[in-house]
Amino acid sequence: MSRQQAEKRGRQAERIAAWWLRLKGWQIVGRRLRTPAGEVDLVARRGSMIAFVEVKARGSDTDLALAIDERRLARVAAAAEILWHDLAKAGDDMRIDVILLAPGRPPRHLANVWHGG
C-alpha cells in the first residue's frame, strides 16, 4: 500500500472511530493533535473523562493484533501528557484508548489500555 493510500485509509478510520465514539456519548474535542512527543488521533470527552484515542485500521483481525504495541502506546501517552494541560478542567481524569477497525467488523473500542510501562 502506498503512503498516500495508507494516509487515506487512516483518515477514513479516524472518521469512523469519531462517529462510533459520538454514538457512545463522547464529544470529539481534538483530531490529529501533534506534539513533540507524537500525535494523538482523536481526543474525546464524556463527562469528566478525557480519552486520548489511537485508531488503527487493518485488512484483517489478525493484522490488528499486531497494530498496537507498548512503544506506540507510550508515544500516545507522552503526547497526552503534553495535551492534557490545554484540554483538562479541574476534576477531569484521563485515559488512553484504542479503536481497532477491520472490514466487515464493528469497531472494537479498548478502554484504558495504558497503565505506564
N, C-alpha and C. Protein backbone atom coordinates (compact mmCIF):
# COMPACT_ATOMS: atom_id res chain seq x y z
N MET A 1 0.85 -1.17 0.00
CA MET A 1 0.00 0.00 0.00
C MET A 1 0.90 1.24 0.00
N SER A 2 0.56 2.20 -0.85
CA SER A 2 1.35 3.43 -0.91
C SER A 2 1.10 4.29 0.32
N ARG A 3 2.01 5.22 0.55
CA ARG A 3 1.86 6.13 1.69
C ARG A 3 0.56 6.94 1.57
N GLN A 4 0.24 7.35 0.34
CA GLN A 4 -0.99 8.12 0.11
C GLN A 4 -2.23 7.27 0.41
N GLN A 5 -2.22 6.01 0.01
CA GLN A 5 -3.34 5.12 0.30
C GLN A 5 -3.46 4.89 1.81
N ALA A 6 -2.33 4.70 2.47
CA ALA A 6 -2.34 4.48 3.92
C ALA A 6 -2.89 5.71 4.64
N GLU A 7 -2.50 6.89 4.18
CA GLU A 7 -2.99 8.14 4.77
C GLU A 7 -4.51 8.25 4.59
N LYS A 8 -4.99 7.92 3.41
CA LYS A 8 -6.43 7.97 3.13
C LYS A 8 -7.18 6.98 4.02
N ARG A 9 -6.65 5.76 4.14
CA ARG A 9 -7.29 4.75 4.99
C ARG A 9 -7.28 5.20 6.45
N GLY A 10 -6.18 5.81 6.88
CA GLY A 10 -6.09 6.29 8.25
C GLY A 10 -7.11 7.38 8.55
N ARG A 11 -7.26 8.32 7.64
CA ARG A 11 -8.25 9.40 7.83
C ARG A 11 -9.67 8.84 7.87
N GLN A 12 -9.96 7.89 6.98
CA GLN A 12 -11.28 7.27 6.97
C GLN A 12 -11.53 6.52 8.28
N ALA A 13 -10.52 5.81 8.76
CA ALA A 13 -10.65 5.08 10.03
C ALA A 13 -10.92 6.05 11.18
N GLU A 14 -10.25 7.18 11.17
CA GLU A 14 -10.47 8.17 12.23
C GLU A 14 -11.88 8.75 12.17
N ARG A 15 -12.40 8.94 10.97
CA ARG A 15 -13.80 9.42 10.84
C ARG A 15 -14.78 8.39 11.40
N ILE A 16 -14.56 7.13 11.07
CA ILE A 16 -15.43 6.06 11.58
C ILE A 16 -15.33 5.97 13.10
N ALA A 17 -14.10 6.04 13.62
CA ALA A 17 -13.90 5.96 15.07
C ALA A 17 -14.58 7.14 15.78
N ALA A 18 -14.48 8.34 15.21
CA ALA A 18 -15.12 9.51 15.81
C ALA A 18 -16.64 9.33 15.81
N TRP A 19 -17.17 8.82 14.74
CA TRP A 19 -18.61 8.56 14.64
C TRP A 19 -19.03 7.55 15.72
N TRP A 20 -18.23 6.49 15.87
CA TRP A 20 -18.51 5.45 16.85
C TRP A 20 -18.52 6.03 18.27
N LEU A 21 -17.52 6.84 18.57
CA LEU A 21 -17.44 7.45 19.89
C LEU A 21 -18.63 8.37 20.15
N ARG A 22 -19.01 9.17 19.16
CA ARG A 22 -20.18 10.06 19.33
C ARG A 22 -21.44 9.25 19.61
N LEU A 23 -21.58 8.11 18.94
CA LEU A 23 -22.75 7.25 19.20
C LEU A 23 -22.75 6.74 20.64
N LYS A 24 -21.58 6.63 21.23
CA LYS A 24 -21.44 6.15 22.62
C LYS A 24 -21.48 7.30 23.63
N GLY A 25 -21.80 8.52 23.17
CA GLY A 25 -21.96 9.64 24.08
C GLY A 25 -20.73 10.50 24.29
N TRP A 26 -19.68 10.28 23.51
CA TRP A 26 -18.46 11.07 23.62
C TRP A 26 -18.54 12.29 22.71
N GLN A 27 -17.89 13.36 23.12
CA GLN A 27 -17.74 14.56 22.29
C GLN A 27 -16.29 14.58 21.80
N ILE A 28 -16.10 14.76 20.51
CA ILE A 28 -14.75 14.83 19.96
C ILE A 28 -14.23 16.24 20.17
N VAL A 29 -13.12 16.36 20.89
CA VAL A 29 -12.55 17.69 21.20
C VAL A 29 -11.22 17.92 20.49
N GLY A 30 -10.72 16.91 19.78
CA GLY A 30 -9.49 17.09 19.03
C GLY A 30 -9.28 15.97 18.05
N ARG A 31 -8.66 16.32 16.92
CA ARG A 31 -8.31 15.33 15.88
C ARG A 31 -6.88 15.57 15.44
N ARG A 32 -6.13 14.50 15.32
CA ARG A 32 -4.75 14.56 14.83
C ARG A 32 -3.96 15.68 15.49
N LEU A 33 -3.91 15.63 16.79
CA LEU A 33 -3.18 16.65 17.54
C LEU A 33 -1.71 16.23 17.65
N ARG A 34 -0.84 17.10 17.16
CA ARG A 34 0.60 16.80 17.14
C ARG A 34 1.31 17.49 18.29
N THR A 35 2.26 16.78 18.86
CA THR A 35 3.11 17.32 19.91
C THR A 35 4.55 16.88 19.59
N PRO A 36 5.52 17.44 20.29
CA PRO A 36 6.90 16.96 20.09
C PRO A 36 7.06 15.47 20.42
N ALA A 37 6.20 14.94 21.28
CA ALA A 37 6.29 13.53 21.68
C ALA A 37 5.60 12.59 20.70
N GLY A 38 4.71 13.11 19.86
CA GLY A 38 3.96 12.27 18.94
C GLY A 38 2.60 12.86 18.67
N GLU A 39 1.77 12.08 18.00
CA GLU A 39 0.45 12.52 17.58
C GLU A 39 -0.62 11.69 18.27
N VAL A 40 -1.74 12.34 18.57
CA VAL A 40 -2.92 11.65 19.09
C VAL A 40 -3.99 11.74 18.00
N ASP A 41 -4.54 10.59 17.60
CA ASP A 41 -5.52 10.57 16.52
C ASP A 41 -6.79 11.31 16.89
N LEU A 42 -7.37 10.96 18.04
CA LEU A 42 -8.61 11.60 18.50
C LEU A 42 -8.52 11.87 19.99
N VAL A 43 -9.14 12.96 20.39
CA VAL A 43 -9.33 13.23 21.81
C VAL A 43 -10.83 13.38 22.02
N ALA A 44 -11.36 12.63 22.97
CA ALA A 44 -12.81 12.63 23.21
C ALA A 44 -13.08 12.89 24.68
N ARG A 45 -14.21 13.51 24.94
CA ARG A 45 -14.62 13.82 26.31
C ARG A 45 -16.03 13.27 26.54
N ARG A 46 -16.19 12.66 27.71
CA ARG A 46 -17.52 12.28 28.18
C ARG A 46 -17.53 12.56 29.67
N GLY A 47 -18.32 13.55 30.06
CA GLY A 47 -18.32 13.97 31.45
C GLY A 47 -16.96 14.52 31.83
N SER A 48 -16.39 13.98 32.90
CA SER A 48 -15.08 14.45 33.36
C SER A 48 -13.94 13.56 32.87
N MET A 49 -14.23 12.66 31.94
CA MET A 49 -13.20 11.76 31.41
C MET A 49 -12.75 12.26 30.03
N ILE A 50 -11.44 12.37 29.86
CA ILE A 50 -10.86 12.68 28.56
C ILE A 50 -10.12 11.44 28.09
N ALA A 51 -10.47 10.97 26.90
CA ALA A 51 -9.81 9.80 26.32
C ALA A 51 -8.94 10.25 25.15
N PHE A 52 -7.68 9.85 25.20
CA PHE A 52 -6.74 10.07 24.11
C PHE A 52 -6.73 8.77 23.32
N VAL A 53 -7.19 8.83 22.07
CA VAL A 53 -7.53 7.62 21.33
C VAL A 53 -6.60 7.39 20.14
N GLU A 54 -5.99 6.22 20.12
CA GLU A 54 -5.21 5.75 18.98
C GLU A 54 -6.14 4.91 18.12
N VAL A 55 -6.19 5.20 16.82
CA VAL A 55 -7.06 4.50 15.89
C VAL A 55 -6.19 3.69 14.94
N LYS A 56 -6.52 2.41 14.79
CA LYS A 56 -5.79 1.55 13.87
C LYS A 56 -6.78 0.80 12.98
N ALA A 57 -6.51 0.83 11.68
CA ALA A 57 -7.31 0.07 10.71
C ALA A 57 -6.37 -0.88 9.99
N ARG A 58 -6.81 -2.11 9.84
CA ARG A 58 -6.04 -3.12 9.13
C ARG A 58 -7.00 -3.95 8.29
N GLY A 59 -6.44 -4.73 7.39
CA GLY A 59 -7.24 -5.53 6.49
C GLY A 59 -7.89 -6.74 7.12
N SER A 60 -7.42 -7.13 8.31
CA SER A 60 -7.97 -8.31 8.96
C SER A 60 -7.78 -8.20 10.47
N ASP A 61 -8.54 -9.01 11.21
CA ASP A 61 -8.40 -9.06 12.66
C ASP A 61 -6.99 -9.51 13.06
N THR A 62 -6.42 -10.43 12.30
CA THR A 62 -5.08 -10.91 12.59
C THR A 62 -4.07 -9.77 12.51
N ASP A 63 -4.18 -8.94 11.48
CA ASP A 63 -3.28 -7.80 11.35
C ASP A 63 -3.49 -6.79 12.47
N LEU A 64 -4.71 -6.66 12.95
CA LEU A 64 -4.98 -5.73 14.05
C LEU A 64 -4.26 -6.13 15.33
N ALA A 65 -4.12 -7.43 15.53
CA ALA A 65 -3.45 -7.92 16.73
C ALA A 65 -2.02 -7.40 16.83
N LEU A 66 -1.43 -7.09 15.68
CA LEU A 66 -0.04 -6.61 15.63
C LEU A 66 0.06 -5.09 15.50
N ALA A 67 -1.07 -4.41 15.42
CA ALA A 67 -1.08 -2.97 15.12
C ALA A 67 -0.71 -2.11 16.32
N ILE A 68 -0.93 -2.60 17.53
CA ILE A 68 -0.68 -1.81 18.73
C ILE A 68 0.38 -2.51 19.56
N ASP A 69 1.38 -1.75 19.95
CA ASP A 69 2.40 -2.28 20.84
C ASP A 69 2.70 -1.24 21.92
N GLU A 70 3.51 -1.65 22.87
CA GLU A 70 3.79 -0.78 24.02
C GLU A 70 4.49 0.50 23.60
N ARG A 71 5.36 0.44 22.60
CA ARG A 71 6.07 1.63 22.12
C ARG A 71 5.09 2.66 21.57
N ARG A 72 4.12 2.22 20.78
CA ARG A 72 3.12 3.15 20.23
C ARG A 72 2.25 3.74 21.33
N LEU A 73 1.85 2.90 22.27
CA LEU A 73 1.03 3.41 23.37
C LEU A 73 1.81 4.39 24.24
N ALA A 74 3.10 4.14 24.43
CA ALA A 74 3.93 5.06 25.21
C ALA A 74 4.01 6.42 24.52
N ARG A 75 4.08 6.42 23.20
CA ARG A 75 4.12 7.68 22.45
C ARG A 75 2.81 8.44 22.59
N VAL A 76 1.69 7.73 22.51
CA VAL A 76 0.38 8.38 22.71
C VAL A 76 0.28 8.93 24.12
N ALA A 77 0.73 8.16 25.10
CA ALA A 77 0.67 8.61 26.49
C ALA A 77 1.53 9.86 26.70
N ALA A 78 2.72 9.90 26.09
CA ALA A 78 3.59 11.07 26.22
C ALA A 78 2.94 12.30 25.58
N ALA A 79 2.31 12.11 24.43
CA ALA A 79 1.61 13.21 23.77
C ALA A 79 0.42 13.66 24.61
N ALA A 80 -0.29 12.72 25.20
CA ALA A 80 -1.45 13.04 26.04
C ALA A 80 -1.03 13.89 27.24
N GLU A 81 0.11 13.57 27.83
CA GLU A 81 0.61 14.36 28.97
C GLU A 81 0.82 15.82 28.58
N ILE A 82 1.31 16.04 27.37
CA ILE A 82 1.53 17.40 26.88
C ILE A 82 0.19 18.09 26.62
N LEU A 83 -0.73 17.40 25.96
CA LEU A 83 -2.02 17.99 25.57
C LEU A 83 -2.94 18.20 26.77
N TRP A 84 -2.77 17.40 27.79
CA TRP A 84 -3.63 17.43 28.98
C TRP A 84 -3.78 18.84 29.54
N HIS A 85 -2.69 19.57 29.59
CA HIS A 85 -2.71 20.90 30.21
C HIS A 85 -3.62 21.88 29.48
N ASP A 86 -3.78 21.71 28.17
CA ASP A 86 -4.64 22.60 27.40
C ASP A 86 -6.09 22.13 27.36
N LEU A 87 -6.32 20.86 27.60
CA LEU A 87 -7.67 20.30 27.40
C LEU A 87 -8.44 20.03 28.69
N ALA A 88 -7.73 19.84 29.78
CA ALA A 88 -8.39 19.39 31.02
C ALA A 88 -8.95 20.56 31.82
N LYS A 89 -9.99 20.25 32.55
CA LYS A 89 -10.58 21.16 33.53
C LYS A 89 -10.33 20.54 34.92
N ALA A 90 -10.50 21.34 35.93
CA ALA A 90 -10.34 20.83 37.30
C ALA A 90 -11.26 19.63 37.50
N GLY A 91 -10.74 18.57 38.08
CA GLY A 91 -11.53 17.38 38.37
C GLY A 91 -11.59 16.36 37.24
N ASP A 92 -11.00 16.68 36.08
CA ASP A 92 -11.01 15.74 34.96
C ASP A 92 -10.05 14.59 35.21
N ASP A 93 -10.31 13.49 34.55
CA ASP A 93 -9.43 12.33 34.57
C ASP A 93 -9.11 11.99 33.13
N MET A 94 -8.05 11.22 32.91
CA MET A 94 -7.68 10.86 31.54
C MET A 94 -7.39 9.38 31.43
N ARG A 95 -7.48 8.90 30.19
CA ARG A 95 -7.10 7.53 29.90
C ARG A 95 -6.67 7.45 28.44
N ILE A 96 -6.01 6.36 28.10
CA ILE A 96 -5.59 6.08 26.74
C ILE A 96 -6.46 4.94 26.23
N ASP A 97 -7.13 5.17 25.11
CA ASP A 97 -7.99 4.17 24.49
C ASP A 97 -7.44 3.83 23.10
N VAL A 98 -7.90 2.70 22.58
CA VAL A 98 -7.58 2.29 21.21
C VAL A 98 -8.88 1.87 20.55
N ILE A 99 -9.05 2.28 19.30
CA ILE A 99 -10.16 1.77 18.50
C ILE A 99 -9.56 1.04 17.30
N LEU A 100 -9.95 -0.23 17.16
CA LEU A 100 -9.45 -1.09 16.10
C LEU A 100 -10.55 -1.31 15.06
N LEU A 101 -10.17 -1.17 13.79
CA LEU A 101 -11.13 -1.30 12.70
C LEU A 101 -10.63 -2.31 11.67
N ALA A 102 -11.52 -3.24 11.29
CA ALA A 102 -11.24 -4.19 10.23
C ALA A 102 -12.49 -4.30 9.37
N PRO A 103 -12.34 -4.54 8.07
CA PRO A 103 -13.50 -4.62 7.18
C PRO A 103 -14.51 -5.68 7.66
N GLY A 104 -15.78 -5.31 7.58
CA GLY A 104 -16.85 -6.24 7.91
C GLY A 104 -17.05 -6.46 9.40
N ARG A 105 -16.36 -5.70 10.23
CA ARG A 105 -16.46 -5.84 11.69
C ARG A 105 -16.85 -4.51 12.30
N PRO A 106 -17.61 -4.53 13.39
CA PRO A 106 -17.87 -3.27 14.09
C PRO A 106 -16.56 -2.79 14.73
N PRO A 107 -16.42 -1.51 14.97
CA PRO A 107 -15.23 -1.02 15.66
C PRO A 107 -15.07 -1.70 17.02
N ARG A 108 -13.83 -1.96 17.39
CA ARG A 108 -13.54 -2.55 18.70
C ARG A 108 -12.85 -1.47 19.54
N HIS A 109 -13.53 -1.06 20.60
CA HIS A 109 -13.04 0.02 21.47
C HIS A 109 -12.42 -0.60 22.72
N LEU A 110 -11.12 -0.41 22.86
CA LEU A 110 -10.40 -0.89 24.03
C LEU A 110 -10.14 0.31 24.93
N ALA A 111 -10.75 0.31 26.09
CA ALA A 111 -10.66 1.45 27.00
C ALA A 111 -9.53 1.28 28.01
N ASN A 112 -8.87 2.39 28.31
CA ASN A 112 -7.87 2.45 29.39
C ASN A 112 -6.78 1.38 29.20
N VAL A 113 -6.13 1.42 28.04
CA VAL A 113 -5.14 0.38 27.69
C VAL A 113 -3.74 0.67 28.20
N TRP A 114 -3.46 1.88 28.65
CA TRP A 114 -2.11 2.23 29.08
C TRP A 114 -2.07 2.41 30.58
N HIS A 115 -1.16 1.70 31.20
CA HIS A 115 -1.02 1.80 32.66
C HIS A 115 0.42 2.15 33.01
N GLY A 116 1.10 2.80 32.07
CA GLY A 116 2.51 3.16 32.28
C GLY A 116 3.39 1.95 32.15
N GLY A 117 4.37 2.00 31.36
CA GLY A 117 5.13 0.78 31.18
C GLY A 117 6.53 0.96 31.13
